[in-house]
Amino acid sequence: MLRAIAAIGAMGAIMVCLPPSSLAAPSEPRGIAAGPDGAMWFTEAGADRIGRIAPDGTLTEFPLPAAASPQAIAAGPDGALWFTEPLASKIGRITTAGAVTEFDVPGGESFPFDIVAGPDGRLWFTERGSDQIGAITTAGVVTEFEIPGSNDVPTGITADAARIFFTEAGSDEVARMSVVGAIEYEIAVPGAGSQPTGIAFSSANGLLYFTQRGSAEIGRLGTGGGVVLDTPLPPPGSMPTNIAAGSDGAVWFTEQGSDQIGRIDVAGTITNRFFTGFEGPYDIASASGAGAPLWFTLPHADRIGRITTAGAITTFPLPGVTGPQGPPGPAGAPGAIRISLVAFQATPRIPRAGKRVLVKFALSDPASVALRVEPLGKPGKGRQVARSSARAGVGTIAWNGRLGGKPAKPGRYKLILTATADTSSASSSLKVKLRPSGK
């Protein structure tokens, strides 16, 4: 029996991709993007598939290798679609004919999340698990660029004609990166816990627009930096998540908490919010062409939605939607419990060598949790530093900052959590950079 969990910490809801829960719809569509063939392409995290929906709603699905759990998707400069596989730490490529190729991201636990075509002919992606930004050529060559600090949690990513921009949900910042990987700015978003998430570039006015799941606001920022301008979205729990420029010059976004699609104009005014009729709209993207509609995913309803710039909504069910539940059958034998574990935050954000580090995790079932620390790039050279019994839900485990009886030296480390219960176990890890103590 596979159990899923949601991690909720000091930053608010943490978007972790776990194996699809028994409550999730069979396909669980997530990312969506316009393809070069005039159709919209989307990921199906729950079914390990890539879907294609034509303008008239005709659906086609293409299978992926098992446990791919695809997340975000973007059209590449080579006429193919590129997508992230967070749980497998891979980047995938699919042609419009359905041929699939996968490429490993170094490190094995990078958790590639969002993806965008860059101005240099590469695909750029965020790595939530390793606090890095990755770039992959159309030949599959991956390069990674480190983000300063720890626990930045890079999440959404976009690009203009020259640079890359991304959100840092863990550090409440928006950053700009050159195509050679240099961080050109990191600008703080007002208010602790704002959790900037999705981000889009608007060619209508040259601004960046981004969602703030934690503070329920839409932020605006010039590509050159400057001051962040916020527009609130009542009620507080609306949870704006992903965002895209529309064909009408406005910017459109999903609200997972209030089940709406919102529209903000170039002046920063929320002009409309449309109720989808279904729970939790997630990603959104515009089709190509003047006056084109936007399309969005509904993971909980197992549907793809379409909204015109006038606000007319149509939804299309994906194949395999579960029908009405029948009467219960006889009880079967108990299934084996398969634990799910996600390490999702280390505090403080900038840890110091030899000082205490607290690791937050989410756990699906009661288990014994062990913490092992090893210098990055030196597997087998670490030590177990803590063990405790944990309940299901969100928990913490602490490292006192020492290895082998001595204070750990400055440098990058991997914090590896392992949960064990009966015959089942699961592991998850975070990477941190220890700065010199007192600096």
Protein backbone atom coordinates (compact mmCIF):
# COMPACT_ATOMS: atom_id res chain seq x y z
CA MET A 1 0.00 0.00 0.00
CA LEU A 2 1.50 3.32 -1.10
CA ARG A 3 0.74 6.32 1.06
CA ALA A 4 1.30 9.91 0.04
CA ILE A 5 2.09 12.88 2.24
CA ALA A 6 2.05 16.67 2.06
CA ALA A 7 4.79 18.65 3.75
CA ILE A 8 3.78 21.92 5.38
CA GLY A 9 6.49 23.87 7.11
CA ALA A 10 7.39 27.39 8.12
CA MET A 11 7.36 28.47 4.46
CA GLY A 12 3.78 27.29 3.97
CA ALA A 13 2.80 24.47 1.67
CA ILE A 14 5.86 22.82 0.19
CA MET A 15 5.31 21.55 -3.35
CA VAL A 16 6.87 18.13 -3.11
CA CYS A 17 6.26 15.51 -5.76
CA LEU A 18 5.55 12.22 -4.04
CA PRO A 19 4.25 9.05 -5.61
CA PRO A 20 0.62 9.73 -6.54
CA SER A 21 -1.73 9.27 -3.64
CA SER A 22 -4.71 6.96 -3.57
CA LEU A 23 -6.86 10.09 -3.45
CA ALA A 24 -5.33 11.59 -6.60
CA ALA A 25 -7.00 11.10 -9.96
CA PRO A 26 -5.48 8.35 -12.16
CA SER A 27 -3.57 10.66 -14.51
CA GLU A 28 -2.86 13.71 -12.32
CA PRO A 29 -2.00 16.22 -15.09
CA ARG A 30 0.59 18.78 -13.95
CA GLY A 31 2.61 20.86 -16.40
CA ILE A 32 1.25 22.18 -19.71
CA ALA A 33 2.81 24.02 -22.66
CA ALA A 34 2.09 24.93 -26.27
CA GLY A 35 3.72 22.60 -28.76
CA PRO A 36 5.13 23.39 -32.19
CA ASP A 37 2.29 21.43 -33.83
CA GLY A 38 -0.53 23.73 -32.68
CA ALA A 39 -1.57 21.41 -29.83
CA MET A 40 -1.05 21.71 -26.08
CA TRP A 41 1.19 19.14 -24.41
CA PHE A 42 0.97 18.17 -20.75
CA THR A 43 2.50 15.84 -18.19
CA GLU A 44 0.60 13.13 -16.32
CA ALA A 45 2.48 12.61 -13.06
CA GLY A 46 0.16 9.90 -11.80
CA ALA A 47 0.16 7.78 -14.94
CA ASP A 48 3.73 8.27 -16.22
CA ARG A 49 2.51 9.68 -19.51
CA ILE A 50 2.80 12.74 -21.72
CA GLY A 51 -0.49 13.94 -23.13
CA ARG A 52 -1.41 15.97 -26.20
CA ILE A 53 -4.67 17.84 -26.61
CA ALA A 54 -5.67 19.36 -29.96
CA PRO A 55 -7.55 22.66 -30.18
CA ASP A 56 -10.81 20.72 -30.57
CA GLY A 57 -10.13 18.67 -27.42
CA THR A 58 -8.93 15.48 -29.12
CA LEU A 59 -6.58 13.64 -26.75
CA THR A 60 -3.52 11.50 -27.41
CA GLU A 61 -1.29 9.96 -24.73
CA PHE A 62 2.26 8.63 -24.87
CA PRO A 63 3.69 6.28 -22.20
CA LEU A 64 6.92 6.98 -20.34
CA PRO A 65 9.19 4.60 -18.43
CA ALA A 66 7.82 3.54 -15.04
CA ALA A 67 8.27 5.96 -12.11
CA ALA A 68 8.97 8.93 -14.39
CA SER A 69 6.34 11.08 -12.60
CA PRO A 70 6.77 14.00 -15.07
CA GLN A 71 6.19 17.51 -13.73
CA ALA A 72 6.85 20.60 -15.92
CA ILE A 73 7.03 20.72 -19.72
CA ALA A 74 8.26 23.23 -22.31
CA ALA A 75 8.72 23.40 -26.06
CA GLY A 76 12.35 23.23 -27.14
CA PRO A 77 14.16 24.91 -30.04
CA ASP A 78 14.51 21.50 -31.73
CA GLY A 79 10.78 21.02 -32.34
CA ALA A 80 10.43 18.57 -29.43
CA LEU A 81 8.90 18.93 -25.94
CA TRP A 82 11.16 18.74 -22.89
CA PHE A 83 9.98 17.82 -19.39
CA THR A 84 11.26 17.30 -15.85
CA GLU A 85 11.16 14.08 -13.83
CA PRO A 86 11.75 15.18 -10.20
CA LEU A 87 11.63 11.77 -8.55
CA ALA A 88 13.90 10.17 -11.15
CA SER A 89 16.25 13.19 -11.35
CA LYS A 90 16.00 13.19 -15.13
CA ILE A 91 15.10 15.49 -18.00
CA GLY A 92 12.94 13.95 -20.67
CA ARG A 93 12.45 14.74 -24.36
CA ILE A 94 9.50 13.71 -26.51
CA THR A 95 9.03 14.34 -30.21
CA THR A 96 5.63 15.25 -31.60
CA ALA A 97 5.50 11.66 -32.89
CA GLY A 98 5.89 10.34 -29.33
CA ALA A 99 9.52 9.16 -29.31
CA VAL A 100 10.94 9.54 -25.78
CA THR A 101 14.53 10.03 -24.62
CA GLU A 102 15.66 10.57 -21.02
CA PHE A 103 18.82 12.26 -19.70
CA ASP A 104 20.19 11.91 -16.17
CA VAL A 105 20.79 15.01 -14.07
CA PRO A 106 24.04 14.64 -12.06
CA GLY A 107 23.78 13.89 -8.37
CA GLY A 108 20.74 11.63 -8.41
CA GLU A 109 18.67 13.78 -6.02
CA SER A 110 18.55 17.12 -7.79
CA PHE A 111 14.73 17.10 -8.06
CA PRO A 112 14.46 18.99 -11.39
CA PHE A 113 11.18 20.89 -11.23
CA ASP A 114 10.33 23.66 -13.70
CA ILE A 115 11.78 24.06 -17.21
CA VAL A 116 11.94 26.73 -19.93
CA ALA A 117 13.59 27.25 -23.30
CA GLY A 118 16.47 29.69 -22.86
CA PRO A 119 17.77 32.38 -25.20
CA ASP A 120 20.94 30.37 -25.91
CA GLY A 121 19.30 27.30 -27.46
CA ARG A 122 19.42 25.26 -24.24
CA LEU A 123 16.61 24.21 -21.91
CA TRP A 124 16.99 25.64 -18.39
CA PHE A 125 15.51 24.06 -15.28
CA THR A 126 15.35 24.50 -11.52
CA GLU A 127 16.77 21.88 -9.14
CA ARG A 128 14.81 22.08 -5.90
CA GLY A 129 16.80 19.29 -4.27
CA SER A 130 20.30 20.66 -4.87
CA ASP A 131 19.77 24.46 -4.92
CA GLN A 132 21.09 24.68 -8.45
CA ILE A 133 19.97 25.82 -11.89
CA GLY A 134 20.55 23.35 -14.68
CA ALA A 135 20.90 23.79 -18.44
CA ILE A 136 20.68 21.00 -21.01
CA THR A 137 21.58 21.14 -24.68
CA THR A 138 19.34 19.52 -27.26
CA ALA A 139 22.01 16.79 -27.44
CA GLY A 140 21.48 16.05 -23.73
CA VAL A 141 24.59 17.64 -22.20
CA VAL A 142 23.79 18.98 -18.71
CA THR A 143 25.56 21.87 -16.98
CA GLU A 144 24.70 22.97 -13.44
CA PHE A 145 25.12 26.33 -11.72
CA GLU A 146 25.12 26.77 -7.96
CA ILE A 147 22.90 29.30 -6.20
CA PRO A 148 24.56 31.11 -3.26
CA GLY A 149 23.37 30.17 0.22
CA SER A 150 21.35 27.16 1.32
CA ASN A 151 17.67 26.19 1.25
CA ASP A 152 16.91 28.56 -1.63
CA VAL A 153 14.54 25.97 -3.19
CA PRO A 154 14.56 27.28 -6.79
CA THR A 155 11.09 26.60 -8.16
CA GLY A 156 9.69 28.50 -11.15
CA ILE A 157 11.78 29.59 -14.14
CA THR A 158 11.34 31.83 -17.18
CA ALA A 159 13.47 33.70 -19.72
CA ASP A 160 13.52 36.81 -21.87
CA ALA A 161 15.63 37.31 -24.99
CA ALA A 162 18.89 37.44 -23.03
CA ARG A 163 18.68 36.02 -19.50
CA ILE A 164 17.15 33.47 -17.15
CA PHE A 165 14.91 34.37 -14.19
CA PHE A 166 13.75 32.10 -11.37
CA THR A 167 11.98 32.12 -8.03
CA GLU A 168 13.47 30.91 -4.76
CA ALA A 169 10.58 29.64 -2.67
CA GLY A 170 12.78 28.83 0.31
CA SER A 171 14.53 32.19 0.60
CA ASP A 172 11.66 34.40 -0.67
CA GLU A 173 13.68 35.84 -3.55
CA VAL A 174 13.57 36.33 -7.31
CA ALA A 175 16.87 35.92 -9.14
CA ARG A 176 18.41 36.67 -12.52
CA MET A 177 21.11 34.52 -14.13
CA SER A 178 23.20 35.06 -17.26
CA VAL A 179 23.49 32.30 -19.85
CA VAL A 180 26.99 31.57 -18.54
CA GLY A 181 25.54 30.84 -15.11
CA ALA A 182 26.41 34.04 -13.25
CA ILE A 183 23.91 35.24 -10.65
CA GLU A 184 23.26 38.88 -11.54
CA TYR A 185 20.81 39.63 -8.74
CA GLU A 186 18.73 38.07 -6.00
CA ILE A 187 15.93 40.40 -4.94
CA ALA A 188 14.02 39.80 -1.72
CA VAL A 189 10.24 39.59 -1.96
CA PRO A 190 8.58 41.61 0.83
CA GLY A 191 7.24 39.60 3.75
CA ALA A 192 8.70 36.44 5.23
CA GLY A 193 7.07 33.29 3.92
CA SER A 194 5.80 34.84 0.69
CA GLN A 195 7.05 31.74 -1.15
CA PRO A 196 7.43 32.99 -4.74
CA THR A 197 6.56 30.08 -7.00
CA GLY A 198 5.57 30.44 -10.66
CA ILE A 199 7.15 33.15 -12.81
CA ALA A 200 6.50 34.52 -16.31
CA PHE A 201 7.95 37.22 -18.55
CA SER A 202 5.46 39.56 -20.22
CA SER A 203 6.56 40.93 -23.58
CA ALA A 204 3.64 43.38 -23.38
CA ASN A 205 5.46 45.57 -20.84
CA GLY A 206 8.81 43.85 -20.27
CA LEU A 207 8.03 42.94 -16.64
CA LEU A 208 8.34 39.73 -14.67
CA TYR A 209 5.19 38.49 -12.95
CA PHE A 210 5.32 35.85 -10.23
CA THR A 211 2.95 34.12 -7.84
CA GLN A 212 3.39 34.11 -4.07
CA ARG A 213 1.72 31.02 -2.65
CA GLY A 214 2.52 31.86 0.94
CA SER A 215 1.23 35.45 1.00
CA ALA A 216 -1.48 35.12 -1.69
CA GLU A 217 -0.11 37.90 -3.89
CA ILE A 218 1.01 38.51 -7.45
CA GLY A 219 4.39 40.22 -7.67
CA ARG A 220 5.82 42.38 -10.47
CA LEU A 221 9.48 43.18 -11.06
CA GLY A 222 11.50 44.73 -13.87
CA THR A 223 13.98 42.48 -15.62
CA GLY A 224 16.69 44.89 -14.53
CA GLY A 225 15.72 44.51 -10.88
CA GLY A 226 14.42 47.25 -8.62
CA VAL A 227 11.42 47.24 -6.33
CA VAL A 228 8.90 44.39 -6.11
CA LEU A 229 5.29 45.57 -6.53
CA ASP A 230 2.68 43.31 -4.94
CA THR A 231 -1.02 42.92 -5.69
CA PRO A 232 -2.94 40.99 -2.98
CA LEU A 233 -5.40 38.23 -3.78
CA PRO A 234 -8.11 37.89 -1.15
CA PRO A 235 -8.83 35.55 0.54
CA PRO A 236 -5.46 34.70 2.15
CA GLY A 237 -5.74 31.01 1.21
CA SER A 238 -6.11 31.49 -2.55
CA MET A 239 -2.63 30.00 -3.11
CA PRO A 240 -1.66 31.42 -6.53
CA THR A 241 0.66 28.86 -8.06
CA ASN A 242 1.56 29.10 -11.73
CA ILE A 243 1.41 32.01 -14.15
CA ALA A 244 1.62 32.72 -17.89
CA ALA A 245 1.41 35.62 -20.32
CA GLY A 246 -1.79 35.58 -22.37
CA SER A 247 -2.43 36.48 -25.98
CA ASP A 248 -4.44 39.53 -24.83
CA GLY A 249 -1.42 41.26 -23.24
CA ALA A 250 -2.55 40.38 -19.71
CA VAL A 251 -1.02 37.77 -17.41
CA TRP A 252 -3.09 34.81 -16.19
CA PHE A 253 -2.54 32.60 -13.14
CA THR A 254 -3.97 29.62 -11.29
CA GLU A 255 -5.28 29.74 -7.72
CA GLN A 256 -5.07 26.28 -6.20
CA GLY A 257 -6.65 27.33 -2.92
CA SER A 258 -9.71 29.12 -4.34
CA ASP A 259 -10.18 26.99 -7.49
CA GLN A 260 -9.98 29.99 -9.79
CA ILE A 261 -8.14 31.33 -12.82
CA GLY A 262 -7.09 34.95 -12.37
CA ARG A 263 -6.15 37.75 -14.78
CA ILE A 264 -3.90 40.75 -14.02
CA ASP A 265 -3.43 43.58 -16.51
CA VAL A 266 -0.27 45.52 -17.35
CA ALA A 267 -1.14 48.13 -14.71
CA GLY A 268 -1.14 45.48 -11.98
CA THR A 269 -4.93 45.39 -11.51
CA ILE A 270 -6.69 42.09 -10.97
CA THR A 271 -9.43 42.44 -13.57
CA ASN A 272 -11.10 39.03 -13.39
CA ARG A 273 -11.13 35.79 -11.42
CA PHE A 274 -13.01 32.87 -12.94
CA PHE A 275 -14.20 29.84 -10.97
CA THR A 276 -13.14 26.62 -12.71
CA GLY A 277 -15.81 24.37 -11.22
CA PHE A 278 -13.15 21.90 -10.12
CA GLU A 279 -10.61 21.70 -7.31
CA GLY A 280 -7.07 22.99 -7.50
CA PRO A 281 -6.08 24.32 -10.97
CA TYR A 282 -2.32 23.94 -11.19
CA ASP A 283 -0.35 24.94 -14.31
CA ILE A 284 -1.40 27.34 -17.08
CA ALA A 285 -0.06 28.21 -20.53
CA SER A 286 -1.26 30.13 -23.55
CA ALA A 287 -1.79 28.56 -26.95
CA SER A 288 -0.02 30.22 -29.87
CA GLY A 289 -1.52 32.98 -31.97
CA ALA A 290 -3.46 36.21 -31.61
CA GLY A 291 -6.54 35.84 -29.45
CA ALA A 292 -5.55 32.29 -28.47
CA PRO A 293 -7.06 30.77 -25.31
CA LEU A 294 -5.11 29.61 -22.28
CA TRP A 295 -5.08 26.00 -21.14
CA PHE A 296 -4.66 24.73 -17.59
CA THR A 297 -4.36 21.46 -15.69
CA LEU A 298 -6.71 20.12 -13.01
CA PRO A 299 -4.76 17.36 -11.22
CA HIS A 300 -7.48 16.49 -8.70
CA ALA A 301 -10.24 16.32 -11.31
CA ASP A 302 -8.10 14.55 -13.91
CA ARG A 303 -9.02 17.13 -16.54
CA ILE A 304 -7.49 19.67 -18.89
CA GLY A 305 -9.16 23.08 -18.92
CA ARG A 306 -9.38 25.78 -21.57
CA ILE A 307 -10.26 29.43 -20.90
CA THR A 308 -10.75 32.09 -23.54
CA THR A 309 -9.50 35.61 -22.93
CA ALA A 310 -13.17 36.51 -22.38
CA GLY A 311 -13.35 33.99 -19.53
CA ALA A 312 -15.33 31.12 -21.09
CA ILE A 313 -14.17 27.81 -19.57
CA THR A 314 -14.37 24.32 -21.06
CA THR A 315 -12.87 21.22 -19.47
CA PHE A 316 -11.92 17.91 -21.03
CA PRO A 317 -11.76 14.66 -18.99
CA LEU A 318 -8.74 12.46 -19.47
CA PRO A 319 -9.14 8.76 -20.27
CA GLY A 320 -9.42 6.45 -17.30
CA VAL A 321 -11.36 8.70 -14.95
CA THR A 322 -12.83 6.64 -12.15
CA GLY A 323 -16.60 6.21 -12.37
CA PRO A 324 -19.11 6.13 -9.51
CA GLN A 325 -18.05 3.97 -6.62
CA GLY A 326 -19.88 0.66 -6.27
CA PRO A 327 -20.67 -1.27 -3.09
CA PRO A 328 -17.67 -2.42 -1.07
CA GLY A 329 -16.32 -5.86 -1.77
CA PRO A 330 -14.96 -8.39 0.69
CA ALA A 331 -11.93 -7.37 2.68
CA GLY A 332 -8.65 -8.54 1.24
CA ALA A 333 -5.39 -9.40 2.92
CA PRO A 334 -3.52 -6.45 4.41
CA GLY A 335 -1.07 -4.95 1.95
CA ALA A 336 2.51 -4.15 2.78
CA ILE A 337 3.08 -0.55 3.80
CA ARG A 338 5.48 1.34 1.58
CA ILE A 339 6.88 4.38 3.36
CA SER A 340 7.17 7.78 1.70
CA LEU A 341 9.74 10.24 3.04
CA VAL A 342 10.70 13.75 1.89
CA ALA A 343 13.37 15.91 3.51
CA PHE A 344 12.31 19.42 2.55
CA GLN A 345 14.03 22.06 4.69
CA ALA A 346 17.22 22.68 6.65
CA THR A 347 17.50 25.56 9.09
CA PRO A 348 19.12 27.99 9.51
CA ARG A 349 19.10 28.98 5.84
CA ILE A 350 22.82 29.77 5.98
CA PRO A 351 24.25 27.14 8.36
CA ARG A 352 27.62 27.62 10.02
CA ALA A 353 30.37 25.04 10.38
CA GLY A 354 30.21 23.29 13.73
CA LYS A 355 26.75 24.67 14.55
CA ARG A 356 23.39 22.91 14.93
CA VAL A 357 21.35 22.18 11.78
CA LEU A 358 17.70 21.16 11.99
CA VAL A 359 16.25 19.05 9.17
CA LYS A 360 12.50 19.03 8.51
CA PHE A 361 10.88 16.07 6.81
CA ALA A 362 7.48 14.67 5.92
CA LEU A 363 6.71 11.02 6.62
CA SER A 364 3.76 8.90 5.53
CA ASP A 365 3.86 6.34 8.40
CA PRO A 366 5.41 6.01 11.86
CA ALA A 367 9.05 4.95 11.48
CA SER A 368 12.55 5.10 12.87
CA VAL A 369 14.39 7.96 11.18
CA ALA A 370 18.19 8.14 10.94
CA LEU A 371 20.27 11.11 9.77
CA ARG A 372 23.60 10.54 8.04
CA VAL A 373 25.94 13.38 7.02
CA GLU A 374 28.63 13.04 4.38
CA PRO A 375 30.87 15.51 2.53
CA LEU A 376 29.42 16.15 -0.92
CA GLY A 377 31.07 14.03 -3.59
CA LYS A 378 32.53 11.60 -1.04
CA PRO A 379 29.98 8.80 -0.61
CA GLY A 380 30.87 6.40 2.18
CA LYS A 381 32.90 9.05 4.03
CA GLY A 382 30.04 10.24 6.21
CA ARG A 383 28.64 9.23 9.57
CA GLN A 384 25.27 8.67 11.17
CA VAL A 385 24.74 11.64 13.47
CA ALA A 386 21.21 11.17 14.82
CA ARG A 387 18.34 8.69 15.10
CA SER A 388 14.83 9.07 16.48
CA SER A 389 11.33 7.62 16.33
CA ALA A 390 8.91 9.73 14.30
CA ARG A 391 5.17 9.88 13.81
CA ALA A 392 3.45 10.23 10.45
CA GLY A 393 3.38 13.85 9.28
CA VAL A 394 5.95 16.61 9.51
CA GLY A 395 8.88 16.05 11.86
CA THR A 396 12.40 17.25 12.59
CA ILE A 397 15.77 15.72 13.38
CA ALA A 398 18.87 17.64 14.45
CA TRP A 399 22.57 17.44 13.63
CA ASN A 400 24.81 19.04 16.25
CA GLY A 401 27.31 20.16 13.60
CA ARG A 402 29.99 17.62 14.54
CA LEU A 403 31.48 14.71 12.59
CA GLY A 404 33.67 12.14 14.31
CA GLY A 405 33.66 14.14 17.52
CA LYS A 406 34.97 17.28 15.82
CA PRO A 407 33.18 20.33 14.40
CA ALA A 408 32.43 19.82 10.72
CA LYS A 409 34.58 21.93 8.41
CA PRO A 410 33.14 24.55 6.04
CA GLY A 411 32.01 23.08 2.74
CA ARG A 412 29.09 21.32 1.04
CA TYR A 413 27.46 18.32 2.71
CA LYS A 414 24.66 15.91 1.96
CA LEU A 415 22.17 15.28 4.78
CA ILE A 416 20.67 11.84 4.18
CA LEU A 417 17.51 10.76 5.97
CA THR A 418 16.45 7.11 6.07
CA ALA A 419 13.11 5.98 7.49
CA THR A 420 12.57 2.32 8.42
CA ALA A 421 9.42 0.50 9.53
CA ASP A 422 9.11 -3.28 9.52
CA THR A 423 10.40 -4.40 6.09
CA SER A 424 9.93 -1.05 4.34
CA SER A 425 12.39 1.84 4.10
CA ALA A 426 12.75 5.12 2.24
CA SER A 427 15.46 7.74 1.87
CA SER A 428 15.59 11.41 1.04
CA SER A 429 18.33 14.01 1.22
CA LEU A 430 19.18 17.69 1.21
CA LYS A 431 22.41 19.46 0.32
CA VAL A 432 23.73 22.30 2.48
CA LYS A 433 26.74 24.55 2.38
CA LEU A 434 28.38 25.21 5.73
CA ARG A 435 29.89 28.68 5.94
CA PRO A 436 32.83 29.44 8.25
CA SER A 437 31.60 29.95 11.79
CA GLY A 438 31.10 33.56 12.79
CA LYS A 439 31.32 34.94 9.22
